[in-house]
C-alpha atoms as a PDB file:
ATOM      1  CA  MET A   1     -48.556  32.044 -22.462  1.00  0.00           C
ATOM      2  CA  LYS A   2     -48.378  29.666 -19.510  1.00  0.00           C
ATOM      3  CA  MET A   3     -47.476  26.862 -21.901  1.00  0.00           C
ATOM      4  CA  ARG A   4     -44.381  28.795 -23.089  1.00  0.00           C
ATOM      5  CA  ILE A   5     -43.252  29.452 -19.538  1.00  0.00           C
ATOM      6  CA  HIS A   6     -43.633  25.789 -18.614  1.00  0.00           C
ATOM      7  CA  ARG A   7     -41.850  24.688 -21.781  1.00  0.00           C
ATOM      8  CA  GLY A   8     -39.031  27.174 -21.135  1.00  0.00           C
ATOM      9  CA  ALA A   9     -38.664  25.984 -17.565  1.00  0.00           C
ATOM     10  CA  LEU A  10     -38.578  22.380 -18.766  1.00  0.00           C
ATOM     11  CA  VAL A  11     -35.846  23.186 -21.287  1.00  0.00           C
ATOM     12  CA  VAL A  12     -33.769  24.975 -18.631  1.00  0.00           C
ATOM     13  CA  LEU A  13     -34.200  22.026 -16.264  1.00  0.00           C
ATOM     14  CA  ALA A  14     -33.170  19.528 -18.945  1.00  0.00           C
ATOM     15  CA  VAL A  15     -30.051  21.500 -19.870  1.00  0.00           C
ATOM     16  CA  ALA A  16     -29.106  21.886 -16.209  1.00  0.00           C
ATOM     17  CA  ALA A  17     -29.473  18.139 -15.681  1.00  0.00           C
ATOM     18  CA  LEU A  18     -27.368  17.320 -18.743  1.00  0.00           C
ATOM     19  CA  VAL A  19     -24.612  19.698 -17.687  1.00  0.00           C
ATOM     20  CA  GLY A  20     -24.744  19.093 -13.939  1.00  0.00           C
ATOM     21  CA  LEU A  21     -24.870  15.299 -13.870  1.00  0.00           C
ATOM     22  CA  PRO A  22     -21.474  14.718 -15.504  1.00  0.00           C
ATOM     23  CA  LEU A  23     -19.936  17.401 -13.327  1.00  0.00           C
ATOM     24  CA  PHE A  24     -21.093  15.778 -10.100  1.00  0.00           C
ATOM     25  CA  SER A  25     -20.265  12.309 -11.393  1.00  0.00           C
ATOM     26  CA  GLY A  26     -16.732  13.494 -12.050  1.00  0.00           C
ATOM     27  CA  LEU A  27     -16.418  14.720  -8.485  1.00  0.00           C
ATOM     28  CA  SER A  28     -17.621  11.358  -7.226  1.00  0.00           C
ATOM     29  CA  LEU A  29     -15.114   9.528  -9.407  1.00  0.00           C
ATOM     30  CA  ALA A  30     -12.295  11.717  -8.091  1.00  0.00           C
ATOM     31  CA  ALA A  31     -13.286  10.957  -4.503  1.00  0.00           C
ATOM     32  CA  ASP A  32     -13.426   7.231  -5.288  1.00  0.00           C
ATOM     33  CA  LYS A  33      -9.999   7.411  -6.936  1.00  0.00           C
ATOM     34  CA  HIS A  34      -8.439   9.107  -3.918  1.00  0.00           C
ATOM     35  CA  ALA A  35     -10.030   6.623  -1.527  1.00  0.00           C
ATOM     36  CA  ALA A  36      -8.727   3.735  -3.645  1.00  0.00           C
ATOM     37  CA  GLU A  37      -5.234   5.264  -3.782  1.00  0.00           C
ATOM     38  CA  ALA A  38      -5.269   5.747  -0.016  1.00  0.00           C
ATOM     39  CA  LEU A  39      -6.192   2.092   0.451  1.00  0.00           C
ATOM     40  CA  GLU A  40      -3.439   0.899  -1.906  1.00  0.00           C
ATOM     41  CA  HIS A  41      -0.762   2.962  -0.144  1.00  0.00           C
ATOM     42  CA  ALA A  42      -2.002   1.774   3.249  1.00  0.00           C
ATOM     43  CA  LYS A  43      -1.673  -1.834   2.037  1.00  0.00           C
ATOM     44  CA  GLU A  44       1.863  -1.086   0.864  1.00  0.00           C
ATOM     45  CA  ALA A  45       2.619   0.394   4.282  1.00  0.00           C
ATOM     46  CA  VAL A  46       1.456  -2.842   5.920  1.00  0.00           C
ATOM     47  CA  ALA A  47       3.527  -4.986   3.570  1.00  0.00           C
ATOM     48  CA  HIS A  48       6.706  -3.018   4.267  1.00  0.00           C
ATOM     49  CA  GLY A  49       5.984  -2.872   7.972  1.00  0.00           C
ATOM     50  CA  LYS A  50       5.766  -6.669   8.106  1.00  0.00           C
ATOM     51  CA  GLN A  51       9.236  -6.745   6.575  1.00  0.00           C
ATOM     52  CA  GLY A  52      10.471  -4.405   9.301  1.00  0.00           C
ATOM     53  CA  HIS A  53      10.931  -1.428   6.974  1.00  0.00           C
ATOM     54  CA  ALA A  54       9.596   1.330   9.209  1.00  0.00           C
ATOM     55  CA  ASP A  55      10.946   4.096   6.965  1.00  0.00           C
ATOM     56  CA  VAL A  56       9.138   2.816   3.861  1.00  0.00           C
ATOM     57  CA  LEU A  57       6.004   2.196   5.931  1.00  0.00           C
ATOM     58  CA  VAL A  58       6.077   5.868   6.899  1.00  0.00           C
ATOM     59  CA  GLN A  59       6.402   6.961   3.254  1.00  0.00           C
ATOM     60  CA  HIS A  60       3.397   4.902   2.163  1.00  0.00           C
ATOM     61  CA  ALA A  61       1.324   5.853   5.208  1.00  0.00           C
ATOM     62  CA  GLU A  62       1.988   9.548   4.535  1.00  0.00           C
ATOM     63  CA  GLU A  63       0.991   9.109   0.887  1.00  0.00           C
ATOM     64  CA  ALA A  64      -2.160   7.282   2.010  1.00  0.00           C
ATOM     65  CA  LEU A  65      -2.953  10.203   4.317  1.00  0.00           C
ATOM     66  CA  LYS A  66      -2.637  12.670   1.429  1.00  0.00           C
ATOM     67  CA  HIS A  67      -5.094  10.693  -0.682  1.00  0.00           C
ATOM     68  CA  ALA A  68      -7.459  10.070   2.222  1.00  0.00           C
ATOM     69  CA  GLY A  69      -7.563  13.794   2.930  1.00  0.00           C
ATOM     70  CA  ALA A  70      -8.203  14.569  -0.735  1.00  0.00           C
ATOM     71  CA  ALA A  71     -11.042  12.041  -0.983  1.00  0.00           C
ATOM     72  CA  GLY A  72     -13.492  14.588   0.407  1.00  0.00           C
ATOM     73  CA  VAL A  73     -15.857  11.889   1.630  1.00  0.00           C
ATOM     74  CA  LYS A  74     -17.732  12.167   4.908  1.00  0.00           C
ATOM     75  CA  SER A  75     -17.319   8.754   6.480  1.00  0.00           C
ATOM     76  CA  PRO A  76     -16.566   7.554   9.996  1.00  0.00           C
ATOM     77  CA  HIS A  77     -14.450   4.788   8.459  1.00  0.00           C
ATOM     78  CA  LEU A  78     -12.358   7.348   6.582  1.00  0.00           C
ATOM     79  CA  ASP A  79     -11.890   9.352   9.776  1.00  0.00           C
ATOM     80  CA  GLU A  80     -10.873   6.243  11.711  1.00  0.00           C
ATOM     81  CA  GLY A  81      -8.538   5.147   8.913  1.00  0.00           C
ATOM     82  CA  ILE A  82      -6.852   8.551   8.954  1.00  0.00           C
ATOM     83  CA  LYS A  83      -6.443   8.346  12.729  1.00  0.00           C
ATOM     84  CA  HIS A  84      -4.697   4.970  12.469  1.00  0.00           C
ATOM     85  CA  LEU A  85      -2.514   6.082   9.569  1.00  0.00           C
ATOM     86  CA  LYS A  86      -1.349   9.100  11.563  1.00  0.00           C
ATOM     87  CA  GLU A  87      -0.464   6.810  14.452  1.00  0.00           C
ATOM     88  CA  ALA A  88       1.320   4.456  12.034  1.00  0.00           C
ATOM     89  CA  VAL A  89       3.429   7.390  10.843  1.00  0.00           C
ATOM     90  CA  ALA A  90       4.261   8.431  14.399  1.00  0.00           C
ATOM     91  CA  GLN A  91       5.200   4.900  15.443  1.00  0.00           C
ATOM     92  CA  GLY A  92       7.139   4.294  12.239  1.00  0.00           C
ATOM     93  CA  LYS A  93       9.165   7.468  12.712  1.00  0.00           C
ATOM     94  CA  ALA A  94       9.958   6.264  16.228  1.00  0.00           C
ATOM     95  CA  GLY A  95      11.292   3.039  14.697  1.00  0.00           C
ATOM     96  CA  HIS A  96       8.494   0.817  16.020  1.00  0.00           C
ATOM     97  CA  ALA A  97       7.719  -1.075  12.823  1.00  0.00           C
ATOM     98  CA  ASP A  98       5.590  -3.687  14.607  1.00  0.00           C
ATOM     99  CA  VAL A  99       3.261  -1.189  16.287  1.00  0.00           C
ATOM    100  CA  ALA A 100       3.179   0.977  13.176  1.00  0.00           C
ATOM    101  CA  THR A 101       2.184  -2.076  11.142  1.00  0.00           C
ATOM    102  CA  GLN A 102      -0.712  -2.806  13.500  1.00  0.00           C
ATOM    103  CA  HIS A 103      -2.006   0.733  13.048  1.00  0.00           C
ATOM    104  CA  ALA A 104      -1.543   0.564   9.283  1.00  0.00           C
ATOM    105  CA  GLU A 105      -3.535  -2.694   9.267  1.00  0.00           C
ATOM    106  CA  GLU A 106      -6.337  -0.979  11.181  1.00  0.00           C
ATOM    107  CA  GLY A 107      -6.166   1.834   8.647  1.00  0.00           C
ATOM    108  CA  VAL A 108      -6.564  -0.684   5.816  1.00  0.00           C
ATOM    109  CA  THR A 109      -9.536  -2.263   7.565  1.00  0.00           C
ATOM    110  CA  HIS A 110     -11.315   1.073   7.854  1.00  0.00           C
ATOM    111  CA  LEU A 111     -10.339   2.432   4.437  1.00  0.00           C
ATOM    112  CA  SER A 112     -11.662  -0.711   2.770  1.00  0.00           C
ATOM    113  CA  GLU A 113     -15.089   0.118   4.259  1.00  0.00           C
ATOM    114  CA  VAL A 114     -15.223   3.627   2.786  1.00  0.00           C
ATOM    115  CA  LYS A 115     -18.083   3.831   0.291  1.00  0.00           C
END
């Protein structure tokens, strides 16, 4: 009798592992994808900021913020990157492409450290 209970529990555990592992892996991949997208848009923001295009910097920084927020990762680097991207948006909207670029660069530095 005990053998059946143990075998049944083992089967339930195995099925749960087979179903649960891909589910959680998929969530991890989605978080990685959003973090990578945030980094790419932040890099684009820097590139346009260096060309003096504050308006395009703002567009890319806002897109980076959307992806960073959707990443769902608990990381001090992500938090710091978001802070700098928000400041880049504010400075870019004020027409200060140089200061906005500096903040976007800081955002890139921090987002590249997100694991």
